[in-house]
C-alpha atoms as a PDB file:
ATOM      1  CA  MET A   1       3.176  -4.783  32.104  1.00  0.00           C
ATOM      2  CA  THR A   2       4.830  -2.659  29.435  1.00  0.00           C
ATOM      3  CA  VAL A   3       5.290  -3.859  25.864  1.00  0.00           C
ATOM      4  CA  PHE A   4       7.036  -2.627  22.752  1.00  0.00           C
ATOM      5  CA  ARG A   5       4.930  -1.343  19.858  1.00  0.00           C
ATOM      6  CA  SER A   6       5.825  -0.096  16.387  1.00  0.00           C
ATOM      7  CA  VAL A   7       4.704   3.538  16.387  1.00  0.00           C
ATOM      8  CA  VAL A   8       4.309   5.628  13.231  1.00  0.00           C
ATOM      9  CA  ARG A   9       6.586   8.630  13.531  1.00  0.00           C
ATOM     10  CA  GLY A  10       6.184  10.051  10.045  1.00  0.00           C
ATOM     11  CA  VAL A  11       4.629   9.518   6.646  1.00  0.00           C
ATOM     12  CA  GLY A  12       5.555  10.716   3.169  1.00  0.00           C
ATOM     13  CA  SER A  13       4.665  10.248  -0.466  1.00  0.00           C
ATOM     14  CA  TYR A  14       5.756  10.887  -4.025  1.00  0.00           C
ATOM     15  CA  LEU A  15       3.789  10.996  -7.276  1.00  0.00           C
ATOM     16  CA  PRO A  16       5.369  11.314 -10.732  1.00  0.00           C
ATOM     17  CA  ALA A  17       4.831  14.674 -12.403  1.00  0.00           C
ATOM     18  CA  ARG A  18       2.877  13.355 -15.384  1.00  0.00           C
ATOM     19  CA  THR A  19      -0.876  13.008 -14.891  1.00  0.00           C
ATOM     20  CA  LEU A  20      -2.818  10.786 -17.292  1.00  0.00           C
ATOM     21  CA  THR A  21      -6.517  11.626 -17.460  1.00  0.00           C
ATOM     22  CA  ASN A  22      -9.439   9.484 -18.549  1.00  0.00           C
ATOM     23  CA  ALA A  23      -9.915  11.762 -21.538  1.00  0.00           C
ATOM     24  CA  GLU A  24      -6.373  10.996 -22.703  1.00  0.00           C
ATOM     25  CA  LEU A  25      -6.968   7.275 -22.270  1.00  0.00           C
ATOM     26  CA  ALA A  26     -10.108   7.588 -24.404  1.00  0.00           C
ATOM     27  CA  ASP A  27      -7.834   8.673 -27.261  1.00  0.00           C
ATOM     28  CA  MET A  28      -5.718   5.546 -26.784  1.00  0.00           C
ATOM     29  CA  VAL A  29      -8.285   2.750 -26.309  1.00  0.00           C
ATOM     30  CA  ASP A  30     -12.031   2.246 -26.725  1.00  0.00           C
ATOM     31  CA  THR A  31     -13.195   3.788 -23.452  1.00  0.00           C
ATOM     32  CA  SER A  32     -14.593   7.023 -22.016  1.00  0.00           C
ATOM     33  CA  ASP A  33     -14.366   9.127 -18.895  1.00  0.00           C
ATOM     34  CA  GLU A  34     -17.947   8.192 -18.026  1.00  0.00           C
ATOM     35  CA  TRP A  35     -17.276   4.444 -18.415  1.00  0.00           C
ATOM     36  CA  ILE A  36     -14.140   4.542 -16.227  1.00  0.00           C
ATOM     37  CA  VAL A  37     -15.646   6.720 -13.483  1.00  0.00           C
ATOM     38  CA  GLN A  38     -18.864   4.721 -13.317  1.00  0.00           C
ATOM     39  CA  ARG A  39     -17.077   1.387 -12.917  1.00  0.00           C
ATOM     40  CA  THR A  40     -14.012   2.377 -10.903  1.00  0.00           C
ATOM     41  CA  GLY A  41     -14.261   5.919  -9.540  1.00  0.00           C
ATOM     42  CA  ILE A  42     -10.900   6.734 -11.139  1.00  0.00           C
ATOM     43  CA  ARG A  43     -10.504  10.099 -12.883  1.00  0.00           C
ATOM     44  CA  GLU A  44      -6.733  10.332 -13.301  1.00  0.00           C
ATOM     45  CA  ARG A  45      -3.476   8.606 -12.419  1.00  0.00           C
ATOM     46  CA  HIS A  46       0.254   9.455 -12.410  1.00  0.00           C
ATOM     47  CA  ILE A  47       2.752   7.860 -14.792  1.00  0.00           C
ATOM     48  CA  ALA A  48       6.502   7.610 -14.174  1.00  0.00           C
ATOM     49  CA  ALA A  49       8.696   9.459 -16.640  1.00  0.00           C
ATOM     50  CA  LYS A  50      11.069   7.646 -18.959  1.00  0.00           C
ATOM     51  CA  GLY A  51      14.082   6.654 -16.877  1.00  0.00           C
ATOM     52  CA  GLU A  52      12.258   7.233 -13.582  1.00  0.00           C
ATOM     53  CA  LYS A  53      12.659   4.006 -11.620  1.00  0.00           C
ATOM     54  CA  THR A  54      10.668   2.475  -8.779  1.00  0.00           C
ATOM     55  CA  SER A  55      13.617   3.186  -6.472  1.00  0.00           C
ATOM     56  CA  ASP A  56      13.500   6.878  -7.432  1.00  0.00           C
ATOM     57  CA  LEU A  57       9.879   7.047  -6.301  1.00  0.00           C
ATOM     58  CA  ALA A  58      10.666   5.103  -3.130  1.00  0.00           C
ATOM     59  CA  ILE A  59      13.618   7.328  -2.230  1.00  0.00           C
ATOM     60  CA  ALA A  60      11.554  10.508  -2.625  1.00  0.00           C
ATOM     61  CA  ALA A  61       8.766   9.099  -0.436  1.00  0.00           C
ATOM     62  CA  ALA A  62      11.283   7.909   2.167  1.00  0.00           C
ATOM     63  CA  LYS A  63      12.911  11.345   2.396  1.00  0.00           C
ATOM     64  CA  ALA A  64       9.489  12.953   2.816  1.00  0.00           C
ATOM     65  CA  ALA A  65       8.574  10.499   5.581  1.00  0.00           C
ATOM     66  CA  LEU A  66      11.827  11.120   7.447  1.00  0.00           C
ATOM     67  CA  ALA A  67      11.298  14.874   7.213  1.00  0.00           C
ATOM     68  CA  ASN A  68       7.738  14.466   8.502  1.00  0.00           C
ATOM     69  CA  ALA A  69       9.056  12.398  11.416  1.00  0.00           C
ATOM     70  CA  GLY A  70      11.770  14.932  12.237  1.00  0.00           C
ATOM     71  CA  MET A  71      14.308  12.130  11.879  1.00  0.00           C
ATOM     72  CA  THR A  72      17.298  11.407   9.659  1.00  0.00           C
ATOM     73  CA  ALA A  73      18.490   8.392   7.722  1.00  0.00           C
ATOM     74  CA  ALA A  74      21.002   7.759  10.521  1.00  0.00           C
ATOM     75  CA  ASP A  75      18.079   6.726  12.748  1.00  0.00           C
ATOM     76  CA  VAL A  76      16.999   3.921  10.384  1.00  0.00           C
ATOM     77  CA  ASP A  77      18.290   0.357  10.647  1.00  0.00           C
ATOM     78  CA  LEU A  78      15.618  -1.519   8.645  1.00  0.00           C
ATOM     79  CA  ILE A  79      14.113  -0.856   5.195  1.00  0.00           C
ATOM     80  CA  VAL A  80      11.292  -2.952   3.770  1.00  0.00           C
ATOM     81  CA  VAL A  81      10.085  -2.049   0.279  1.00  0.00           C
ATOM     82  CA  ALA A  82       6.812  -3.557  -0.885  1.00  0.00           C
ATOM     83  CA  THR A  83       6.798  -3.693  -4.681  1.00  0.00           C
ATOM     84  CA  SER A  84       5.840  -5.869  -7.627  1.00  0.00           C
ATOM     85  CA  THR A  85       7.796  -3.669 -10.036  1.00  0.00           C
ATOM     86  CA  PRO A  86      11.407  -3.671  -8.795  1.00  0.00           C
ATOM     87  CA  ASP A  87      14.161  -1.867 -10.669  1.00  0.00           C
ATOM     88  CA  LEU A  88      15.962  -5.150 -11.328  1.00  0.00           C
ATOM     89  CA  THR A  89      15.410  -8.858 -10.768  1.00  0.00           C
ATOM     90  CA  PHE A  90      18.092  -8.387  -8.108  1.00  0.00           C
ATOM     91  CA  PRO A  91      19.411  -6.803  -5.992  1.00  0.00           C
ATOM     92  CA  ALA A  92      16.407  -5.643  -3.996  1.00  0.00           C
ATOM     93  CA  THR A  93      15.094  -2.159  -4.695  1.00  0.00           C
ATOM     94  CA  ALA A  94      15.364  -1.580  -0.932  1.00  0.00           C
ATOM     95  CA  THR A  95      19.154  -1.729  -1.199  1.00  0.00           C
ATOM     96  CA  SER A  96      19.090   1.109  -3.740  1.00  0.00           C
ATOM     97  CA  VAL A  97      17.037   3.143  -1.274  1.00  0.00           C
ATOM     98  CA  GLN A  98      19.484   2.243   1.487  1.00  0.00           C
ATOM     99  CA  ALA A  99      22.503   3.296  -0.566  1.00  0.00           C
ATOM    100  CA  GLU A 100      20.946   6.584  -1.706  1.00  0.00           C
ATOM    101  CA  LEU A 101      20.067   7.483   1.876  1.00  0.00           C
ATOM    102  CA  GLY A 102      23.630   6.725   2.979  1.00  0.00           C
ATOM    103  CA  ILE A 103      22.610   3.938   5.376  1.00  0.00           C
ATOM    104  CA  THR A 104      25.304   1.291   5.897  1.00  0.00           C
ATOM    105  CA  ARG A 105      23.915  -0.641   8.850  1.00  0.00           C
ATOM    106  CA  GLY A 106      20.971  -2.901   9.475  1.00  0.00           C
ATOM    107  CA  ALA A 107      19.039  -4.661   6.693  1.00  0.00           C
ATOM    108  CA  ALA A 108      17.122  -3.774   3.546  1.00  0.00           C
ATOM    109  CA  PHE A 109      14.939  -6.107   1.498  1.00  0.00           C
ATOM    110  CA  ASP A 110      11.918  -6.210  -0.801  1.00  0.00           C
ATOM    111  CA  LEU A 111       8.595  -7.906  -0.093  1.00  0.00           C
ATOM    112  CA  GLN A 112       6.200  -9.033  -2.828  1.00  0.00           C
ATOM    113  CA  ALA A 113       2.510  -9.441  -2.030  1.00  0.00           C
ATOM    114  CA  VAL A 114       1.168  -7.291  -4.893  1.00  0.00           C
ATOM    115  CA  CYS A 115      -1.568  -4.873  -3.734  1.00  0.00           C
ATOM    116  CA  SER A 116      -1.413  -6.259  -0.177  1.00  0.00           C
ATOM    117  CA  GLY A 117       2.314  -5.586  -0.087  1.00  0.00           C
ATOM    118  CA  PHE A 118       2.270  -2.556   2.200  1.00  0.00           C
ATOM    119  CA  VAL A 119       0.144  -4.286   4.852  1.00  0.00           C
ATOM    120  CA  PHE A 120       2.425  -7.345   4.654  1.00  0.00           C
ATOM    121  CA  ALA A 121       5.492  -5.089   4.909  1.00  0.00           C
ATOM    122  CA  MET A 122       4.084  -3.235   7.927  1.00  0.00           C
ATOM    123  CA  ALA A 123       3.366  -6.528   9.675  1.00  0.00           C
ATOM    124  CA  THR A 124       6.854  -7.837   8.867  1.00  0.00           C
ATOM    125  CA  ALA A 125       8.640  -4.704  10.088  1.00  0.00           C
ATOM    126  CA  ASP A 126       6.474  -4.725  13.214  1.00  0.00           C
ATOM    127  CA  GLN A 127       7.637  -8.238  14.095  1.00  0.00           C
ATOM    128  CA  TYR A 128      11.298  -7.267  13.689  1.00  0.00           C
ATOM    129  CA  LEU A 129      10.908  -4.101  15.743  1.00  0.00           C
ATOM    130  CA  ARG A 130       8.986  -5.700  18.585  1.00  0.00           C
ATOM    131  CA  SER A 131      11.518  -8.531  18.778  1.00  0.00           C
ATOM    132  CA  GLY A 132      14.267  -5.986  19.396  1.00  0.00           C
ATOM    133  CA  ASP A 133      16.285  -6.909  16.304  1.00  0.00           C
ATOM    134  CA  PHE A 134      15.852  -3.383  14.932  1.00  0.00           C
ATOM    135  CA  LYS A 135      14.829  -0.022  16.358  1.00  0.00           C
ATOM    136  CA  CYS A 136      13.585   2.080  13.434  1.00  0.00           C
ATOM    137  CA  ALA A 137      12.149   1.026  10.091  1.00  0.00           C
ATOM    138  CA  LEU A 138      11.278   2.653   6.818  1.00  0.00           C
ATOM    139  CA  VAL A 139       8.320   0.791   5.319  1.00  0.00           C
ATOM    140  CA  ILE A 140       7.761   1.791   1.711  1.00  0.00           C
ATOM    141  CA  GLY A 141       5.216   0.883  -0.945  1.00  0.00           C
ATOM    142  CA  ALA A 142       6.489   1.843  -4.411  1.00  0.00           C
ATOM    143  CA  GLU A 143       5.261   0.861  -7.866  1.00  0.00           C
ATOM    144  CA  THR A 144       5.680   1.644 -11.553  1.00  0.00           C
ATOM    145  CA  PHE A 145       2.772  -0.475 -12.769  1.00  0.00           C
ATOM    146  CA  SER A 146       2.672   1.498 -16.011  1.00  0.00           C
ATOM    147  CA  ARG A 147       5.664  -0.635 -17.074  1.00  0.00           C
ATOM    148  CA  ILE A 148       3.716  -3.931 -16.873  1.00  0.00           C
ATOM    149  CA  LEU A 149       0.421  -2.809 -18.422  1.00  0.00           C
ATOM    150  CA  ASP A 150      -0.869  -3.814 -21.827  1.00  0.00           C
ATOM    151  CA  TRP A 151      -1.839  -0.380 -23.116  1.00  0.00           C
ATOM    152  CA  ASN A 152      -4.137  -1.989 -25.699  1.00  0.00           C
ATOM    153  CA  ASP A 153      -6.218  -3.710 -23.013  1.00  0.00           C
ATOM    154  CA  ARG A 154      -8.877  -1.247 -21.962  1.00  0.00           C
ATOM    155  CA  THR A 155     -10.002  -3.449 -19.054  1.00  0.00           C
ATOM    156  CA  THR A 156      -6.671  -3.080 -17.218  1.00  0.00           C
ATOM    157  CA  CYS A 157      -4.747  -0.067 -18.530  1.00  0.00           C
ATOM    158  CA  VAL A 158      -7.363   2.353 -17.158  1.00  0.00           C
ATOM    159  CA  LEU A 159      -7.035   1.029 -13.615  1.00  0.00           C
ATOM    160  CA  PHE A 160      -3.424   1.492 -12.550  1.00  0.00           C
ATOM    161  CA  GLY A 161      -0.963   4.275 -11.816  1.00  0.00           C
ATOM    162  CA  ASP A 162       2.517   4.859 -10.410  1.00  0.00           C
ATOM    163  CA  GLY A 163       3.594   6.288  -7.064  1.00  0.00           C
ATOM    164  CA  ALA A 164       5.206   5.664  -3.699  1.00  0.00           C
ATOM    165  CA  GLY A 165       4.383   6.157  -0.044  1.00  0.00           C
ATOM    166  CA  ALA A 166       6.410   5.531   3.103  1.00  0.00           C
ATOM    167  CA  VAL A 167       6.086   5.452   6.866  1.00  0.00           C
ATOM    168  CA  VAL A 168       8.715   5.606   9.579  1.00  0.00           C
ATOM    169  CA  LEU A 169       8.101   3.060  12.356  1.00  0.00           C
ATOM    170  CA  GLU A 170       9.946   3.235  15.675  1.00  0.00           C
ATOM    171  CA  ARG A 171      10.143   0.659  18.457  1.00  0.00           C
ATOM    172  CA  THR A 172       8.544   2.363  21.452  1.00  0.00           C
ATOM    173  CA  GLU A 173       7.668   1.210  24.963  1.00  0.00           C
ATOM    174  CA  GLN A 174       3.934   1.370  25.667  1.00  0.00           C
ATOM    175  CA  PRO A 175       1.707   0.474  28.671  1.00  0.00           C
ATOM    176  CA  GLY A 176       0.451  -2.733  27.054  1.00  0.00           C
ATOM    177  CA  THR A 177      -3.246  -1.911  26.615  1.00  0.00           C
ATOM    178  CA  ARG A 178      -5.470  -1.510  23.589  1.00  0.00           C
ATOM    179  CA  GLU A 179      -5.066   2.250  24.067  1.00  0.00           C
ATOM    180  CA  ASP A 180      -1.366   1.971  23.149  1.00  0.00           C
ATOM    181  CA  ARG A 181      -0.021   3.925  20.214  1.00  0.00           C
ATOM    182  CA  GLY A 182       1.370   1.903  17.327  1.00  0.00           C
ATOM    183  CA  ILE A 183       0.393  -1.285  15.524  1.00  0.00           C
ATOM    184  CA  LEU A 184      -2.031  -3.187  17.750  1.00  0.00           C
ATOM    185  CA  VAL A 185      -2.668  -6.181  15.504  1.00  0.00           C
ATOM    186  CA  SER A 186      -2.234  -7.378  11.938  1.00  0.00           C
ATOM    187  CA  ARG A 187      -3.773 -10.322  10.104  1.00  0.00           C
ATOM    188  CA  LEU A 188      -2.377 -11.729   6.841  1.00  0.00           C
ATOM    189  CA  ARG A 189      -3.780 -14.333   4.435  1.00  0.00           C
ATOM    190  CA  SER A 190      -2.951 -15.929   1.068  1.00  0.00           C
ATOM    191  CA  ASP A 191      -4.705 -18.445  -1.168  1.00  0.00           C
ATOM    192  CA  GLY A 192      -2.718 -19.466  -4.241  1.00  0.00           C
ATOM    193  CA  ARG A 193      -5.664 -21.258  -5.835  1.00  0.00           C
ATOM    194  CA  HIS A 194      -6.775 -17.871  -7.174  1.00  0.00           C
ATOM    195  CA  ARG A 195      -3.464 -16.818  -8.755  1.00  0.00           C
ATOM    196  CA  SER A 196      -4.798 -17.049 -12.334  1.00  0.00           C
ATOM    197  CA  LYS A 197      -7.416 -14.382 -11.609  1.00  0.00           C
ATOM    198  CA  LEU A 198      -4.826 -11.610 -11.253  1.00  0.00           C
ATOM    199  CA  PHE A 199      -1.276 -12.140 -12.458  1.00  0.00           C
ATOM    200  CA  VAL A 200       1.516 -11.042 -14.792  1.00  0.00           C
ATOM    201  CA  ASP A 201       2.130 -13.377 -17.727  1.00  0.00           C
ATOM    202  CA  GLY A 202       5.923 -13.258 -17.557  1.00  0.00           C
ATOM    203  CA  GLY A 203       8.921 -13.626 -15.290  1.00  0.00           C
ATOM    204  CA  PRO A 204      12.606 -14.619 -15.271  1.00  0.00           C
ATOM    205  CA  GLY A 205      11.841 -18.180 -14.188  1.00  0.00           C
ATOM    206  CA  SER A 206       9.141 -18.837 -16.784  1.00  0.00           C
ATOM    207  CA  THR A 207       9.144 -16.747 -19.951  1.00  0.00           C
ATOM    208  CA  GLY A 208      12.317 -14.751 -19.418  1.00  0.00           C
ATOM    209  CA  THR A 209      10.299 -11.606 -20.078  1.00  0.00           C
ATOM    210  CA  VAL A 210       8.666  -8.972 -17.876  1.00  0.00           C
ATOM    211  CA  GLY A 211       5.151  -9.775 -19.132  1.00  0.00           C
ATOM    212  CA  HIS A 212       1.888  -7.867 -18.781  1.00  0.00           C
ATOM    213  CA  LEU A 213      -0.769  -7.697 -16.098  1.00  0.00           C
ATOM    214  CA  ARG A 214      -3.819  -9.917 -16.695  1.00  0.00           C
ATOM    215  CA  MET A 215      -6.969  -9.829 -14.636  1.00  0.00           C
ATOM    216  CA  GLU A 216     -10.397 -11.435 -14.411  1.00  0.00           C
ATOM    217  CA  GLY A 217     -12.057  -8.299 -13.101  1.00  0.00           C
ATOM    218  CA  LYS A 218     -15.442  -9.773 -12.177  1.00  0.00           C
ATOM    219  CA  GLU A 219     -13.802 -12.612 -10.239  1.00  0.00           C
ATOM    220  CA  VAL A 220     -11.520 -10.264  -8.326  1.00  0.00           C
ATOM    221  CA  PHE A 221     -14.458  -8.032  -7.456  1.00  0.00           C
ATOM    222  CA  ARG A 222     -16.526 -11.033  -6.357  1.00  0.00           C
ATOM    223  CA  HIS A 223     -13.908 -12.219  -3.880  1.00  0.00           C
ATOM    224  CA  ALA A 224     -12.693  -8.850  -2.617  1.00  0.00           C
ATOM    225  CA  VAL A 225     -15.305  -7.756  -0.085  1.00  0.00           C
ATOM    226  CA  GLY A 226     -15.653 -11.147   1.604  1.00  0.00           C
ATOM    227  CA  MET A 227     -11.926 -11.714   1.992  1.00  0.00           C
ATOM    228  CA  ILE A 228     -11.323  -8.219   3.313  1.00  0.00           C
ATOM    229  CA  THR A 229     -14.082  -8.594   5.906  1.00  0.00           C
ATOM    230  CA  ASP A 230     -12.509 -11.814   7.205  1.00  0.00           C
ATOM    231  CA  VAL A 231      -9.202 -10.278   8.339  1.00  0.00           C
ATOM    232  CA  ILE A 232     -10.834  -7.135   9.703  1.00  0.00           C
ATOM    233  CA  GLU A 233     -13.236  -9.065  11.907  1.00  0.00           C
ATOM    234  CA  GLU A 234     -10.247 -11.023  13.241  1.00  0.00           C
ATOM    235  CA  ALA A 235      -8.490  -7.761  14.104  1.00  0.00           C
ATOM    236  CA  TYR A 236     -11.589  -6.596  15.948  1.00  0.00           C
ATOM    237  CA  ALA A 237     -11.788  -9.877  17.865  1.00  0.00           C
ATOM    238  CA  ALA A 238      -8.136  -9.609  18.902  1.00  0.00           C
ATOM    239  CA  THR A 239      -8.491  -6.077  20.278  1.00  0.00           C
ATOM    240  CA  GLY A 240     -12.111  -5.804  21.368  1.00  0.00           C
ATOM    241  CA  TYR A 241     -12.696  -2.899  19.021  1.00  0.00           C
ATOM    242  CA  SER A 242     -15.495  -2.604  16.466  1.00  0.00           C
ATOM    243  CA  SER A 243     -16.277  -0.475  13.429  1.00  0.00           C
ATOM    244  CA  GLU A 244     -17.884   2.107  15.698  1.00  0.00           C
ATOM    245  CA  ASP A 245     -14.510   2.719  17.352  1.00  0.00           C
ATOM    246  CA  ILE A 246     -12.602   3.306  14.111  1.00  0.00           C
ATOM    247  CA  ASP A 247     -11.630   6.922  13.429  1.00  0.00           C
ATOM    248  CA  TRP A 248     -10.314   6.298   9.911  1.00  0.00           C
ATOM    249  CA  PHE A 249     -10.614   3.421   7.455  1.00  0.00           C
ATOM    250  CA  VAL A 250      -7.768   3.449   4.914  1.00  0.00           C
ATOM    251  CA  PRO A 251      -8.390   0.676   2.370  1.00  0.00           C
ATOM    252  CA  HIS A 252      -6.362  -0.347  -0.645  1.00  0.00           C
ATOM    253  CA  GLN A 253      -7.380   2.041  -3.423  1.00  0.00           C
ATOM    254  CA  ALA A 254      -8.335  -0.381  -6.206  1.00  0.00           C
ATOM    255  CA  ASN A 255     -11.899   0.457  -7.092  1.00  0.00           C
ATOM    256  CA  LEU A 256     -14.418   2.814  -5.499  1.00  0.00           C
ATOM    257  CA  ARG A 257     -17.171   0.203  -5.674  1.00  0.00           C
ATOM    258  CA  ILE A 258     -15.043  -2.266  -3.686  1.00  0.00           C
ATOM    259  CA  ILE A 259     -14.183   0.435  -1.132  1.00  0.00           C
ATOM    260  CA  ASP A 260     -17.832   1.428  -0.737  1.00  0.00           C
ATOM    261  CA  GLY A 261     -18.970  -2.197  -0.565  1.00  0.00           C
ATOM    262  CA  SER A 262     -16.409  -3.057   2.097  1.00  0.00           C
ATOM    263  CA  ALA A 263     -17.261  -0.034   4.244  1.00  0.00           C
ATOM    264  CA  LYS A 264     -20.967  -0.782   3.978  1.00  0.00           C
ATOM    265  CA  LYS A 265     -20.552  -4.440   4.942  1.00  0.00           C
ATOM    266  CA  LEU A 266     -18.338  -3.475   7.884  1.00  0.00           C
ATOM    267  CA  LYS A 267     -20.763  -0.700   8.903  1.00  0.00           C
ATOM    268  CA  ILE A 268     -18.082   1.979   8.731  1.00  0.00           C
ATOM    269  CA  ALA A 269     -19.534   5.439   8.135  1.00  0.00           C
ATOM    270  CA  PRO A 270     -18.660   6.941   4.724  1.00  0.00           C
ATOM    271  CA  ASN A 271     -17.147  10.038   6.371  1.00  0.00           C
ATOM    272  CA  LYS A 272     -14.519   7.826   8.021  1.00  0.00           C
ATOM    273  CA  VAL A 273     -13.258   6.347   4.750  1.00  0.00           C
ATOM    274  CA  VAL A 274     -10.120   7.796   3.135  1.00  0.00           C
ATOM    275  CA  VAL A 275     -10.444   7.730  -0.672  1.00  0.00           C
ATOM    276  CA  THR A 276      -7.717   8.711  -3.136  1.00  0.00           C
ATOM    277  CA  VAL A 277      -8.431   6.254  -5.963  1.00  0.00           C
ATOM    278  CA  ASP A 278     -10.030   9.038  -7.996  1.00  0.00           C
ATOM    279  CA  LYS A 279      -6.703  10.915  -8.213  1.00  0.00           C
ATOM    280  CA  HIS A 280      -4.160   8.073  -8.066  1.00  0.00           C
ATOM    281  CA  GLY A 281      -5.825   5.046  -9.628  1.00  0.00           C
ATOM    282  CA  ASN A 282      -4.682   1.678  -8.294  1.00  0.00           C
ATOM    283  CA  THR A 283      -1.029   2.071  -7.298  1.00  0.00           C
ATOM    284  CA  SER A 284      -0.834  -1.456  -5.828  1.00  0.00           C
ATOM    285  CA  ALA A 285       1.487  -1.556  -2.783  1.00  0.00           C
ATOM    286  CA  ALA A 286       1.791   2.246  -2.832  1.00  0.00           C
ATOM    287  CA  SER A 287      -1.924   2.954  -2.506  1.00  0.00           C
ATOM    288  CA  ILE A 288      -2.330   2.734   1.279  1.00  0.00           C
ATOM    289  CA  PRO A 289       0.718   4.835   2.232  1.00  0.00           C
ATOM    290  CA  LEU A 290      -0.260   7.391  -0.434  1.00  0.00           C
ATOM    291  CA  ALA A 291      -3.736   7.591   1.125  1.00  0.00           C
ATOM    292  CA  LEU A 292      -2.255   7.811   4.626  1.00  0.00           C
ATOM    293  CA  SER A 293       0.025  10.635   3.545  1.00  0.00           C
ATOM    294  CA  ALA A 294      -2.895  12.537   2.032  1.00  0.00           C
ATOM    295  CA  ALA A 295      -5.043  12.149   5.151  1.00  0.00           C
ATOM    296  CA  VAL A 296      -2.230  13.123   7.511  1.00  0.00           C
ATOM    297  CA  GLY A 297      -1.255  16.031   5.297  1.00  0.00           C
ATOM    298  CA  ASP A 298      -4.719  17.572   5.287  1.00  0.00           C
ATOM    299  CA  GLY A 299      -5.191  17.089   9.039  1.00  0.00           C
ATOM    300  CA  ARG A 300      -7.726  14.286   9.046  1.00  0.00           C
ATOM    301  CA  ILE A 301      -5.556  11.638  10.711  1.00  0.00           C
ATOM    302  CA  LYS A 302      -4.209  12.926  14.016  1.00  0.00           C
ATOM    303  CA  LYS A 303      -2.212  11.563  16.942  1.00  0.00           C
ATOM    304  CA  GLY A 304      -4.336   9.144  18.960  1.00  0.00           C
ATOM    305  CA  ASP A 305      -6.695   8.226  16.118  1.00  0.00           C
ATOM    306  CA  LEU A 306      -7.570   4.562  15.615  1.00  0.00           C
ATOM    307  CA  VAL A 307      -6.765   3.684  12.004  1.00  0.00           C
ATOM    308  CA  LEU A 308      -7.761   0.525  10.125  1.00  0.00           C
ATOM    309  CA  LEU A 309      -5.802  -0.560   7.034  1.00  0.00           C
ATOM    310  CA  GLU A 310      -6.823  -3.325   4.638  1.00  0.00           C
ATOM    311  CA  ALA A 311      -5.779  -4.611   1.230  1.00  0.00           C
ATOM    312  CA  MET A 312      -6.262  -7.454  -1.210  1.00  0.00           C
ATOM    313  CA  GLY A 313      -4.029  -8.330  -4.134  1.00  0.00           C
ATOM    314  CA  GLY A 314      -2.929 -10.936  -6.632  1.00  0.00           C
ATOM    315  CA  GLY A 315      -2.206 -14.371  -5.323  1.00  0.00           C
ATOM    316  CA  PHE A 316      -4.740 -13.899  -3.785  1.00  0.00           C
ATOM    317  CA  THR A 317      -3.204 -12.132  -0.796  1.00  0.00           C
ATOM    318  CA  TRP A 318      -5.103 -10.039   1.702  1.00  0.00           C
ATOM    319  CA  GLY A 319      -4.535  -8.495   5.115  1.00  0.00           C
ATOM    320  CA  SER A 320      -5.448  -5.913   7.718  1.00  0.00           C
ATOM    321  CA  ALA A 321      -3.669  -3.817  10.313  1.00  0.00           C
ATOM    322  CA  LEU A 322      -5.178  -1.897  13.206  1.00  0.00           C
ATOM    323  CA  LEU A 323      -3.048   0.859  14.702  1.00  0.00           C
ATOM    324  CA  ARG A 324      -3.294   3.913  16.885  1.00  0.00           C
ATOM    325  CA  TRP A 325      -1.656   6.922  15.275  1.00  0.00           C
END
């Protein structure tokens, strides 16, 4: 029996031109390159220029993904942008992407699940595509977290960066086995009891201000590995695959110690783990598609590879997706 799957046709990314190094941060707050690298694995991050909006990053990544797919904007009838840093309270940043690309059909909307946003957006687009409501989706993770950081708080300002990544998903008929190309399974979770551990202390419905990111780093770290393992083991159970079968593990790029801890607990070999946190920092919803773009661009991820995605973010939210490239 044949089924419809959401197959990745292309991937693209965009990073702002300005690079902010650990050495530069050491001139701004009481920190050092050694301290940051030892605790996070981050060496540099990109910062959006003045006037450079989240939609600008998203549009550049979307164009790159379409070019990689050999497709045009005319093929797209769904845009989902995962972001916690939209251009405006409304309308959705996705509509700015839609307008810039010249798309006048279908739907475009934003999705907010913080660092898990891209996995949530992939799962959402997958449901729409498999249902037959849409045929081709742009799924974008785009963030300008530099705009919500307290640059006097050395515990958070060293962690985050700006950027965008995108994938083109297309509804495609497949044989209906676990060897199919496309998204095989996704698992999503949220637990609002932990919202005070990672949040922004502002918003239009509360303070009327944008606010700044606040985080209880030790608490986030403590929960991360266990929660991530949960949704990955469920994906394995649903497909019959295991860590031995995975070709590439592409985790949310928050902290190298969390990435290493997760891979070790899941028994995924280090040479199968895609790491970009050292060059990008934590770009929230953009981190996974940025990592995917890097690994596709340098030839690591190839057609037919089994790829595991996972992320955890504020809320808490967390999720996984298992797909064949």
